[in-house]
Amino acid sequence: DEIEKAHPDVFNILLQILDDGRLTDGHGRTVDFKNTVVIMTSNVGSQWIQDPALDDEEKQNRSMEVLRATFKPEFLNRIDDIIMFHALALEDLYRIVDIQLGLIDKRLKERKLSIELTDTAKKYIAEQGYSPVYGARPLKRSLQKLILDPLALDILGGKFSEGDHIVIGVSKGAITFSKKS
């Protein structure tokens, strides 16, 4: 993660892995990396990805310029592919909310509870957790603050019990929890 922050020795190790497909330590022990996929992430060039005035091709070109200025050619030449990610759109967060709520629902099923999220609530949660700069990290905090913490308190407080189906909605700008009859 964030390979640009790595110590120079890490690059030397990666060069050995990427070039030879193996790594040998000071005691002569060898680890085989021939069938290994090495995934590295970097924020180098991310300032261009965030720029709404640039089209996708220009974003890619400027990001690659910064990448070439940051990393040595012998390192970049050993990388098979570079994939550019784009900033998350609000629609992407809707899908992430669905995935996260599915995980919450799975955990609640262990307690014989189920949840349902209204479209209004999904939109509200996604908007509260939307940040083009920070990606999905604020969304996780929003889910914790808006759903997990208050729902846990309601369950512990006896508002919901085994067998209940909980509908998560929005009323007057706040998340609501109610039993579905």
N, C-alpha and C. Protein backbone atom coordinates (compact mmCIF):
# COMPACT_ATOMS: atom_id res chain seq x y z
N ASP A 1 0.85 -1.18 0.00
CA ASP A 1 0.00 0.00 0.00
C ASP A 1 0.89 1.24 0.00
N GLU A 2 0.58 2.18 -0.87
CA GLU A 2 1.35 3.42 -1.01
C GLU A 2 2.85 3.14 -1.15
N ILE A 3 3.18 2.44 -2.22
CA ILE A 3 4.55 2.00 -2.48
C ILE A 3 5.54 3.16 -2.54
N GLU A 4 5.08 4.34 -2.89
CA GLU A 4 5.98 5.49 -2.99
C GLU A 4 6.59 5.86 -1.64
N LYS A 5 5.98 5.41 -0.55
CA LYS A 5 6.49 5.72 0.79
C LYS A 5 7.46 4.65 1.31
N ALA A 6 7.68 3.62 0.52
CA ALA A 6 8.52 2.50 0.97
C ALA A 6 9.99 2.90 1.08
N HIS A 7 10.67 2.25 1.99
CA HIS A 7 12.11 2.42 2.17
C HIS A 7 12.82 1.93 0.91
N PRO A 8 13.95 2.54 0.53
CA PRO A 8 14.68 2.10 -0.67
C PRO A 8 15.03 0.61 -0.66
N ASP A 9 15.26 0.03 0.52
CA ASP A 9 15.56 -1.41 0.57
C ASP A 9 14.38 -2.25 0.09
N VAL A 10 13.18 -1.75 0.31
CA VAL A 10 11.99 -2.47 -0.17
C VAL A 10 12.01 -2.54 -1.69
N PHE A 11 12.41 -1.46 -2.34
CA PHE A 11 12.49 -1.47 -3.80
C PHE A 11 13.53 -2.48 -4.28
N ASN A 12 14.65 -2.57 -3.58
CA ASN A 12 15.67 -3.55 -3.96
C ASN A 12 15.14 -4.98 -3.84
N ILE A 13 14.39 -5.23 -2.78
CA ILE A 13 13.79 -6.56 -2.60
C ILE A 13 12.76 -6.82 -3.69
N LEU A 14 11.93 -5.82 -3.97
CA LEU A 14 10.92 -5.99 -5.03
C LEU A 14 11.57 -6.21 -6.39
N LEU A 15 12.67 -5.51 -6.65
CA LEU A 15 13.38 -5.73 -7.92
C LEU A 15 13.85 -7.17 -8.04
N GLN A 16 14.36 -7.73 -6.95
CA GLN A 16 14.81 -9.12 -6.96
C GLN A 16 13.63 -10.06 -7.20
N ILE A 17 12.53 -9.80 -6.53
CA ILE A 17 11.34 -10.65 -6.70
C ILE A 17 10.80 -10.55 -8.12
N LEU A 18 10.67 -9.31 -8.62
CA LEU A 18 10.09 -9.11 -9.95
C LEU A 18 11.02 -9.58 -11.06
N ASP A 19 12.32 -9.48 -10.84
CA ASP A 19 13.28 -9.85 -11.87
C ASP A 19 13.56 -11.35 -11.88
N ASP A 20 13.86 -11.92 -10.71
CA ASP A 20 14.26 -13.32 -10.62
C ASP A 20 13.10 -14.27 -10.32
N GLY A 21 12.02 -13.74 -9.78
CA GLY A 21 10.91 -14.61 -9.39
C GLY A 21 11.20 -15.34 -8.09
N ARG A 22 12.26 -14.92 -7.40
CA ARG A 22 12.60 -15.55 -6.12
C ARG A 22 13.36 -14.54 -5.28
N LEU A 23 13.42 -14.85 -4.00
CA LEU A 23 14.10 -13.98 -3.05
C LEU A 23 15.00 -14.85 -2.19
N THR A 24 16.25 -14.44 -2.07
CA THR A 24 17.21 -15.20 -1.26
C THR A 24 17.68 -14.32 -0.11
N ASP A 25 17.64 -14.87 1.10
CA ASP A 25 18.09 -14.09 2.26
C ASP A 25 19.58 -14.27 2.48
N GLY A 26 20.11 -13.64 3.50
CA GLY A 26 21.54 -13.67 3.80
C GLY A 26 22.06 -15.04 4.20
N HIS A 27 21.16 -15.98 4.55
CA HIS A 27 21.56 -17.34 4.93
C HIS A 27 21.42 -18.31 3.77
N GLY A 28 21.12 -17.81 2.60
CA GLY A 28 21.00 -18.67 1.43
C GLY A 28 19.64 -19.34 1.27
N ARG A 29 18.68 -19.01 2.13
CA ARG A 29 17.33 -19.57 1.99
C ARG A 29 16.60 -18.83 0.88
N THR A 30 15.90 -19.58 0.05
CA THR A 30 15.22 -19.00 -1.11
C THR A 30 13.71 -19.21 -1.01
N VAL A 31 12.99 -18.16 -1.35
CA VAL A 31 11.53 -18.23 -1.43
C VAL A 31 11.15 -18.02 -2.89
N ASP A 32 10.32 -18.93 -3.41
CA ASP A 32 9.91 -18.89 -4.82
C ASP A 32 8.68 -18.00 -4.97
N PHE A 33 8.75 -17.03 -5.87
CA PHE A 33 7.63 -16.13 -6.15
C PHE A 33 7.13 -16.28 -7.58
N LYS A 34 7.49 -17.38 -8.25
CA LYS A 34 7.15 -17.54 -9.66
C LYS A 34 5.65 -17.53 -9.93
N ASN A 35 4.85 -18.06 -9.03
CA ASN A 35 3.40 -18.11 -9.22
C ASN A 35 2.70 -17.12 -8.29
N THR A 36 3.30 -15.95 -8.14
CA THR A 36 2.79 -14.95 -7.21
C THR A 36 2.39 -13.69 -7.97
N VAL A 37 1.28 -13.12 -7.57
CA VAL A 37 0.86 -11.82 -8.09
C VAL A 37 1.19 -10.79 -7.02
N VAL A 38 1.99 -9.81 -7.38
CA VAL A 38 2.36 -8.74 -6.46
C VAL A 38 1.51 -7.53 -6.82
N ILE A 39 0.73 -7.08 -5.87
CA ILE A 39 -0.13 -5.91 -6.09
C ILE A 39 0.40 -4.77 -5.23
N MET A 40 0.67 -3.65 -5.88
CA MET A 40 1.16 -2.47 -5.18
C MET A 40 0.18 -1.33 -5.46
N THR A 41 -0.06 -0.51 -4.46
CA THR A 41 -0.90 0.67 -4.68
C THR A 41 -0.06 1.92 -4.49
N SER A 42 -0.51 2.99 -5.11
CA SER A 42 0.19 4.25 -5.00
C SER A 42 -0.80 5.40 -5.16
N ASN A 43 -0.53 6.47 -4.48
CA ASN A 43 -1.33 7.68 -4.66
C ASN A 43 -0.62 8.69 -5.55
N VAL A 44 0.49 8.28 -6.15
CA VAL A 44 1.23 9.16 -7.04
C VAL A 44 0.32 9.52 -8.22
N GLY A 45 0.20 10.79 -8.48
CA GLY A 45 -0.64 11.26 -9.59
C GLY A 45 -2.11 11.40 -9.25
N SER A 46 -2.46 11.12 -8.01
CA SER A 46 -3.88 11.17 -7.64
C SER A 46 -4.47 12.58 -7.74
N GLN A 47 -3.61 13.60 -7.65
CA GLN A 47 -4.14 14.96 -7.78
C GLN A 47 -4.74 15.19 -9.16
N TRP A 48 -4.24 14.48 -10.17
CA TRP A 48 -4.78 14.62 -11.53
C TRP A 48 -6.08 13.84 -11.68
N ILE A 49 -6.20 12.74 -10.99
CA ILE A 49 -7.41 11.93 -11.07
C ILE A 49 -8.59 12.70 -10.48
N GLN A 50 -8.33 13.52 -9.48
CA GLN A 50 -9.37 14.30 -8.82
C GLN A 50 -9.79 15.54 -9.62
N ASP A 51 -9.02 15.91 -10.63
CA ASP A 51 -9.28 17.16 -11.36
C ASP A 51 -10.43 16.99 -12.36
N PRO A 52 -11.59 17.60 -12.08
CA PRO A 52 -12.75 17.44 -12.96
C PRO A 52 -12.58 18.12 -14.32
N ALA A 53 -11.61 19.03 -14.44
CA ALA A 53 -11.40 19.74 -15.70
C ALA A 53 -10.68 18.89 -16.75
N LEU A 54 -10.11 17.76 -16.34
CA LEU A 54 -9.35 16.91 -17.26
C LEU A 54 -10.19 15.72 -17.71
N ASP A 55 -10.02 15.33 -18.98
CA ASP A 55 -10.69 14.11 -19.44
C ASP A 55 -9.85 12.91 -19.01
N ASP A 56 -10.41 11.71 -19.17
CA ASP A 56 -9.75 10.49 -18.69
C ASP A 56 -8.36 10.29 -19.29
N GLU A 57 -8.21 10.58 -20.57
CA GLU A 57 -6.92 10.38 -21.22
C GLU A 57 -5.87 11.33 -20.65
N GLU A 58 -6.25 12.58 -20.44
CA GLU A 58 -5.31 13.56 -19.87
C GLU A 58 -4.95 13.20 -18.42
N LYS A 59 -5.93 12.72 -17.67
CA LYS A 59 -5.67 12.27 -16.29
C LYS A 59 -4.63 11.15 -16.31
N GLN A 60 -4.82 10.19 -17.21
CA GLN A 60 -3.90 9.05 -17.33
C GLN A 60 -2.51 9.54 -17.71
N ASN A 61 -2.42 10.41 -18.71
CA ASN A 61 -1.12 10.90 -19.17
C ASN A 61 -0.37 11.65 -18.07
N ARG A 62 -1.06 12.53 -17.38
CA ARG A 62 -0.40 13.31 -16.32
C ARG A 62 0.00 12.42 -15.14
N SER A 63 -0.84 11.47 -14.80
CA SER A 63 -0.52 10.55 -13.71
C SER A 63 0.70 9.70 -14.06
N MET A 64 0.77 9.26 -15.31
CA MET A 64 1.92 8.45 -15.73
C MET A 64 3.20 9.28 -15.72
N GLU A 65 3.12 10.56 -16.07
CA GLU A 65 4.29 11.44 -16.00
C GLU A 65 4.83 11.50 -14.57
N VAL A 66 3.93 11.69 -13.62
CA VAL A 66 4.33 11.76 -12.21
C VAL A 66 4.90 10.42 -11.76
N LEU A 67 4.30 9.34 -12.22
CA LEU A 67 4.77 7.99 -11.87
C LEU A 67 6.20 7.79 -12.37
N ARG A 68 6.46 8.19 -13.63
CA ARG A 68 7.81 8.05 -14.19
C ARG A 68 8.82 8.95 -13.48
N ALA A 69 8.37 10.09 -12.98
CA ALA A 69 9.27 10.98 -12.25
C ALA A 69 9.55 10.47 -10.84
N THR A 70 8.65 9.66 -10.30
CA THR A 70 8.78 9.18 -8.92
C THR A 70 9.58 7.89 -8.82
N PHE A 71 9.34 6.96 -9.74
CA PHE A 71 9.96 5.64 -9.67
C PHE A 71 11.04 5.49 -10.73
N LYS A 72 12.08 4.73 -10.39
CA LYS A 72 13.18 4.49 -11.32
C LYS A 72 12.70 3.63 -12.49
N PRO A 73 13.27 3.86 -13.68
CA PRO A 73 12.86 3.08 -14.86
C PRO A 73 13.04 1.57 -14.68
N GLU A 74 14.11 1.16 -13.99
CA GLU A 74 14.33 -0.28 -13.80
C GLU A 74 13.24 -0.92 -12.96
N PHE A 75 12.60 -0.14 -12.10
CA PHE A 75 11.48 -0.65 -11.31
C PHE A 75 10.22 -0.70 -12.18
N LEU A 76 9.90 0.40 -12.84
CA LEU A 76 8.69 0.45 -13.68
C LEU A 76 8.73 -0.57 -14.81
N ASN A 77 9.92 -0.82 -15.36
CA ASN A 77 10.03 -1.77 -16.48
C ASN A 77 9.72 -3.21 -16.07
N ARG A 78 9.76 -3.50 -14.79
CA ARG A 78 9.48 -4.86 -14.33
C ARG A 78 8.01 -5.06 -13.94
N ILE A 79 7.24 -4.00 -14.01
CA ILE A 79 5.81 -4.10 -13.68
C ILE A 79 5.04 -4.46 -14.94
N ASP A 80 4.26 -5.53 -14.85
CA ASP A 80 3.51 -6.00 -16.02
C ASP A 80 2.38 -5.07 -16.42
N ASP A 81 1.68 -4.52 -15.45
CA ASP A 81 0.52 -3.70 -15.78
C ASP A 81 0.30 -2.64 -14.70
N ILE A 82 -0.14 -1.49 -15.14
CA ILE A 82 -0.50 -0.40 -14.22
C ILE A 82 -1.96 -0.09 -14.48
N ILE A 83 -2.75 -0.17 -13.43
CA ILE A 83 -4.19 0.07 -13.55
C ILE A 83 -4.52 1.37 -12.84
N MET A 84 -5.17 2.26 -13.55
CA MET A 84 -5.57 3.54 -12.98
C MET A 84 -6.97 3.39 -12.40
N PHE A 85 -7.14 3.80 -11.17
CA PHE A 85 -8.45 3.81 -10.56
C PHE A 85 -9.00 5.22 -10.60
N HIS A 86 -10.29 5.31 -10.66
CA HIS A 86 -10.96 6.61 -10.71
C HIS A 86 -11.62 6.88 -9.37
N ALA A 87 -11.84 8.13 -9.10
CA ALA A 87 -12.51 8.50 -7.85
C ALA A 87 -13.90 7.87 -7.83
N LEU A 88 -14.33 7.48 -6.65
CA LEU A 88 -15.65 6.88 -6.51
C LEU A 88 -16.73 7.93 -6.76
N ALA A 89 -17.76 7.51 -7.48
CA ALA A 89 -18.94 8.35 -7.68
C ALA A 89 -19.98 7.96 -6.64
N LEU A 90 -20.97 8.80 -6.46
CA LEU A 90 -22.02 8.53 -5.49
C LEU A 90 -22.72 7.20 -5.78
N GLU A 91 -22.88 6.87 -7.06
CA GLU A 91 -23.52 5.61 -7.45
C GLU A 91 -22.70 4.40 -6.96
N ASP A 92 -21.38 4.54 -6.95
CA ASP A 92 -20.52 3.47 -6.44
C ASP A 92 -20.78 3.24 -4.96
N LEU A 93 -21.01 4.32 -4.24
CA LEU A 93 -21.27 4.20 -2.81
C LEU A 93 -22.60 3.51 -2.53
N TYR A 94 -23.58 3.68 -3.42
CA TYR A 94 -24.84 2.95 -3.25
C TYR A 94 -24.58 1.44 -3.25
N ARG A 95 -23.74 1.00 -4.17
CA ARG A 95 -23.41 -0.43 -4.24
C ARG A 95 -22.63 -0.88 -3.00
N ILE A 96 -21.74 -0.03 -2.52
CA ILE A 96 -20.98 -0.37 -1.31
C ILE A 96 -21.90 -0.45 -0.11
N VAL A 97 -22.87 0.46 -0.02
CA VAL A 97 -23.86 0.40 1.07
C VAL A 97 -24.60 -0.93 1.01
N ASP A 98 -25.01 -1.35 -0.18
CA ASP A 98 -25.70 -2.65 -0.32
C ASP A 98 -24.84 -3.80 0.19
N ILE A 99 -23.58 -3.78 -0.18
CA ILE A 99 -22.66 -4.85 0.25
C ILE A 99 -22.51 -4.84 1.77
N GLN A 100 -22.27 -3.67 2.34
CA GLN A 100 -22.07 -3.56 3.78
C GLN A 100 -23.33 -3.94 4.55
N LEU A 101 -24.50 -3.54 4.04
CA LEU A 101 -25.75 -3.90 4.71
C LEU A 101 -25.99 -5.40 4.62
N GLY A 102 -25.55 -6.01 3.52
CA GLY A 102 -25.64 -7.47 3.41
C GLY A 102 -24.82 -8.15 4.48
N LEU A 103 -23.64 -7.61 4.76
CA LEU A 103 -22.79 -8.17 5.82
C LEU A 103 -23.42 -7.97 7.20
N ILE A 104 -24.01 -6.79 7.41
CA ILE A 104 -24.69 -6.53 8.69
C ILE A 104 -25.87 -7.48 8.84
N ASP A 105 -26.65 -7.65 7.77
CA ASP A 105 -27.81 -8.55 7.80
C ASP A 105 -27.37 -9.98 8.14
N LYS A 106 -26.25 -10.38 7.57
CA LYS A 106 -25.72 -11.73 7.84
C LYS A 106 -25.39 -11.89 9.33
N ARG A 107 -24.78 -10.86 9.91
CA ARG A 107 -24.45 -10.91 11.34
C ARG A 107 -25.71 -10.94 12.19
N LEU A 108 -26.73 -10.19 11.77
CA LEU A 108 -27.98 -10.14 12.53
C LEU A 108 -28.76 -11.45 12.43
N LYS A 109 -28.62 -12.16 11.32
CA LYS A 109 -29.31 -13.44 11.16
C LYS A 109 -28.88 -14.44 12.23
N GLU A 110 -27.63 -14.31 12.70
CA GLU A 110 -27.15 -15.16 13.79
C GLU A 110 -27.98 -14.93 15.06
N ARG A 111 -28.56 -13.74 15.17
CA ARG A 111 -29.42 -13.40 16.32
C ARG A 111 -30.90 -13.48 15.93
N LYS A 112 -31.16 -14.11 14.78
CA LYS A 112 -32.52 -14.28 14.25
C LYS A 112 -33.23 -12.94 14.04
N LEU A 113 -32.48 -11.96 13.55
CA LEU A 113 -33.01 -10.66 13.16
C LEU A 113 -32.70 -10.44 11.68
N SER A 114 -33.49 -9.62 11.03
CA SER A 114 -33.20 -9.27 9.64
C SER A 114 -33.44 -7.78 9.44
N ILE A 115 -32.78 -7.22 8.42
CA ILE A 115 -32.93 -5.79 8.16
C ILE A 115 -33.29 -5.56 6.70
N GLU A 116 -33.91 -4.43 6.49
CA GLU A 116 -34.27 -3.97 5.15
C GLU A 116 -33.98 -2.48 5.11
N LEU A 117 -33.37 -2.04 4.04
CA LEU A 117 -32.98 -0.64 3.91
C LEU A 117 -33.84 0.01 2.84
N THR A 118 -34.51 1.10 3.17
CA THR A 118 -35.29 1.81 2.16
C THR A 118 -34.34 2.53 1.21
N ASP A 119 -34.81 2.83 0.01
CA ASP A 119 -33.98 3.56 -0.96
C ASP A 119 -33.59 4.93 -0.42
N THR A 120 -34.50 5.56 0.29
CA THR A 120 -34.21 6.87 0.88
C THR A 120 -33.08 6.77 1.90
N ALA A 121 -33.10 5.72 2.71
CA ALA A 121 -32.05 5.53 3.71
C ALA A 121 -30.72 5.23 3.03
N LYS A 122 -30.75 4.41 1.98
CA LYS A 122 -29.52 4.09 1.25
C LYS A 122 -28.90 5.37 0.69
N LYS A 123 -29.73 6.20 0.09
CA LYS A 123 -29.25 7.46 -0.48
C LYS A 123 -28.69 8.36 0.62
N TYR A 124 -29.39 8.45 1.73
CA TYR A 124 -28.96 9.29 2.85
C TYR A 124 -27.60 8.82 3.39
N ILE A 125 -27.45 7.53 3.61
CA ILE A 125 -26.19 6.98 4.14
C ILE A 125 -25.05 7.23 3.16
N ALA A 126 -25.30 6.98 1.87
CA ALA A 126 -24.26 7.18 0.86
C ALA A 126 -23.85 8.65 0.79
N GLU A 127 -24.82 9.54 0.84
CA GLU A 127 -24.50 10.97 0.79
C GLU A 127 -23.73 11.42 2.03
N GLN A 128 -24.07 10.89 3.18
CA GLN A 128 -23.36 11.24 4.42
C GLN A 128 -21.92 10.73 4.38
N GLY A 129 -21.70 9.61 3.71
CA GLY A 129 -20.37 9.02 3.66
C GLY A 129 -19.61 9.32 2.39
N TYR A 130 -20.11 10.23 1.57
CA TYR A 130 -19.48 10.51 0.28
C TYR A 130 -18.38 11.55 0.40
N SER A 131 -17.21 11.18 -0.08
CA SER A 131 -16.09 12.12 -0.17
C SER A 131 -15.26 11.74 -1.38
N PRO A 132 -15.27 12.56 -2.43
CA PRO A 132 -14.47 12.22 -3.60
C PRO A 132 -12.98 12.12 -3.29
N VAL A 133 -12.54 12.80 -2.25
CA VAL A 133 -11.12 12.80 -1.91
C VAL A 133 -10.73 11.55 -1.13
N TYR A 134 -11.55 11.14 -0.16
CA TYR A 134 -11.19 10.04 0.73
C TYR A 134 -11.80 8.70 0.36
N GLY A 135 -12.54 8.63 -0.72
CA GLY A 135 -13.10 7.36 -1.16
C GLY A 135 -14.17 6.83 -0.23
N ALA A 136 -14.11 5.54 0.08
CA ALA A 136 -15.16 4.88 0.86
C ALA A 136 -14.90 4.91 2.36
N ARG A 137 -13.75 5.42 2.79
CA ARG A 137 -13.46 5.42 4.23
C ARG A 137 -14.51 6.17 5.05
N PRO A 138 -14.93 7.37 4.63
CA PRO A 138 -15.97 8.04 5.42
C PRO A 138 -17.29 7.27 5.44
N LEU A 139 -17.55 6.49 4.40
CA LEU A 139 -18.79 5.70 4.36
C LEU A 139 -18.80 4.67 5.47
N LYS A 140 -17.67 4.06 5.72
CA LYS A 140 -17.59 3.08 6.80
C LYS A 140 -17.91 3.73 8.15
N ARG A 141 -17.37 4.93 8.35
CA ARG A 141 -17.66 5.66 9.59
C ARG A 141 -19.14 6.04 9.66
N SER A 142 -19.71 6.43 8.52
CA SER A 142 -21.14 6.78 8.49
C SER A 142 -22.00 5.58 8.83
N LEU A 143 -21.66 4.42 8.29
CA LEU A 143 -22.42 3.21 8.61
C LEU A 143 -22.34 2.89 10.10
N GLN A 144 -21.16 3.05 10.66
CA GLN A 144 -20.98 2.79 12.09
C GLN A 144 -21.83 3.75 12.92
N LYS A 145 -21.74 5.03 12.58
CA LYS A 145 -22.42 6.07 13.35
C LYS A 145 -23.93 6.07 13.13
N LEU A 146 -24.35 5.86 11.89
CA LEU A 146 -25.78 5.98 11.56
C LEU A 146 -26.56 4.69 11.74
N ILE A 147 -25.91 3.54 11.53
CA ILE A 147 -26.62 2.26 11.57
C ILE A 147 -26.18 1.38 12.74
N LEU A 148 -24.92 0.98 12.73
CA LEU A 148 -24.45 -0.03 13.68
C LEU A 148 -24.61 0.39 15.15
N ASP A 149 -24.10 1.56 15.49
CA ASP A 149 -24.17 1.99 16.90
C ASP A 149 -25.61 2.15 17.40
N PRO A 150 -26.46 2.93 16.69
CA PRO A 150 -27.83 3.08 17.20
C PRO A 150 -28.63 1.78 17.17
N LEU A 151 -28.40 0.95 16.15
CA LEU A 151 -29.12 -0.32 16.08
C LEU A 151 -28.71 -1.24 17.23
N ALA A 152 -27.42 -1.27 17.54
CA ALA A 152 -26.94 -2.08 18.67
C ALA A 152 -27.58 -1.61 19.97
N LEU A 153 -27.66 -0.30 20.16
CA LEU A 153 -28.29 0.23 21.37
C LEU A 153 -29.77 -0.14 21.44
N ASP A 154 -30.46 -0.08 20.29
CA ASP A 154 -31.88 -0.46 20.26
C ASP A 154 -32.06 -1.95 20.58
N ILE A 155 -31.18 -2.78 20.05
CA ILE A 155 -31.28 -4.23 20.32
C ILE A 155 -31.00 -4.50 21.80
N LEU A 156 -29.94 -3.89 22.31
CA LEU A 156 -29.61 -4.07 23.73
C LEU A 156 -30.69 -3.50 24.64
N GLY A 157 -31.33 -2.43 24.19
CA GLY A 157 -32.39 -1.81 24.98
C GLY A 157 -33.73 -2.53 24.89
N GLY A 158 -33.80 -3.58 24.08
CA GLY A 158 -35.02 -4.37 24.01
C GLY A 158 -36.04 -3.91 22.98
N LYS A 159 -35.70 -2.92 22.17
CA LYS A 159 -36.65 -2.44 21.15
C LYS A 159 -36.92 -3.53 20.11
N PHE A 160 -35.89 -4.33 19.81
CA PHE A 160 -36.03 -5.42 18.84
C PHE A 160 -35.64 -6.72 19.51
N SER A 161 -36.34 -7.79 19.12
CA SER A 161 -36.03 -9.10 19.70
C SER A 161 -36.03 -10.15 18.60
N GLU A 162 -35.68 -11.35 18.98
CA GLU A 162 -35.55 -12.47 18.06
C GLU A 162 -36.77 -12.56 17.13
N GLY A 163 -36.49 -12.72 15.84
CA GLY A 163 -37.56 -12.87 14.85
C GLY A 163 -38.02 -11.57 14.22
N ASP A 164 -37.57 -10.43 14.73
CA ASP A 164 -38.01 -9.14 14.18
C ASP A 164 -37.34 -8.85 12.83
N HIS A 165 -38.10 -8.20 11.97
CA HIS A 165 -37.58 -7.68 10.70
C HIS A 165 -37.52 -6.17 10.86
N ILE A 166 -36.32 -5.62 10.78
CA ILE A 166 -36.10 -4.20 11.05
C ILE A 166 -35.99 -3.43 9.73
N VAL A 167 -36.80 -2.40 9.60
CA VAL A 167 -36.76 -1.53 8.42
C VAL A 167 -35.99 -0.26 8.79
N ILE A 168 -34.97 0.03 7.99
CA ILE A 168 -34.16 1.22 8.22
C ILE A 168 -34.62 2.27 7.22
N GLY A 169 -35.09 3.39 7.74
CA GLY A 169 -35.60 4.47 6.90
C GLY A 169 -35.03 5.81 7.31
N VAL A 170 -35.63 6.87 6.77
CA VAL A 170 -35.21 8.23 7.11
C VAL A 170 -36.47 9.05 7.40
N SER A 171 -36.42 9.80 8.47
CA SER A 171 -37.51 10.71 8.80
C SER A 171 -36.92 11.98 9.40
N LYS A 172 -37.31 13.11 8.86
CA LYS A 172 -36.85 14.41 9.36
C LYS A 172 -35.32 14.50 9.40
N GLY A 173 -34.67 13.98 8.36
CA GLY A 173 -33.22 14.07 8.25
C GLY A 173 -32.44 13.17 9.18
N ALA A 174 -33.09 12.13 9.71
CA ALA A 174 -32.40 11.19 10.61
C ALA A 174 -32.80 9.76 10.26
N ILE A 175 -31.89 8.84 10.52
CA ILE A 175 -32.14 7.41 10.30
C ILE A 175 -33.13 6.92 11.35
N THR A 176 -34.07 6.09 10.90
CA THR A 176 -35.06 5.50 11.82
C THR A 176 -35.01 3.98 11.70
N PHE A 177 -35.38 3.32 12.78
CA PHE A 177 -35.47 1.86 12.82
C PHE A 177 -36.88 1.51 13.27
N SER A 178 -37.55 0.65 12.51
CA SER A 178 -38.90 0.24 12.90
C SER A 178 -39.09 -1.24 12.58
N LYS A 179 -40.02 -1.86 13.33
CA LYS A 179 -40.35 -3.27 13.09
C LYS A 179 -41.32 -3.34 11.93
N LYS A 180 -41.07 -4.31 11.05
CA LYS A 180 -42.01 -4.56 9.97
C LYS A 180 -42.98 -5.62 10.46
N SER A 181 -44.28 -5.33 10.36
CA SER A 181 -45.27 -6.28 10.87
C SER A 181 -45.49 -7.40 9.89
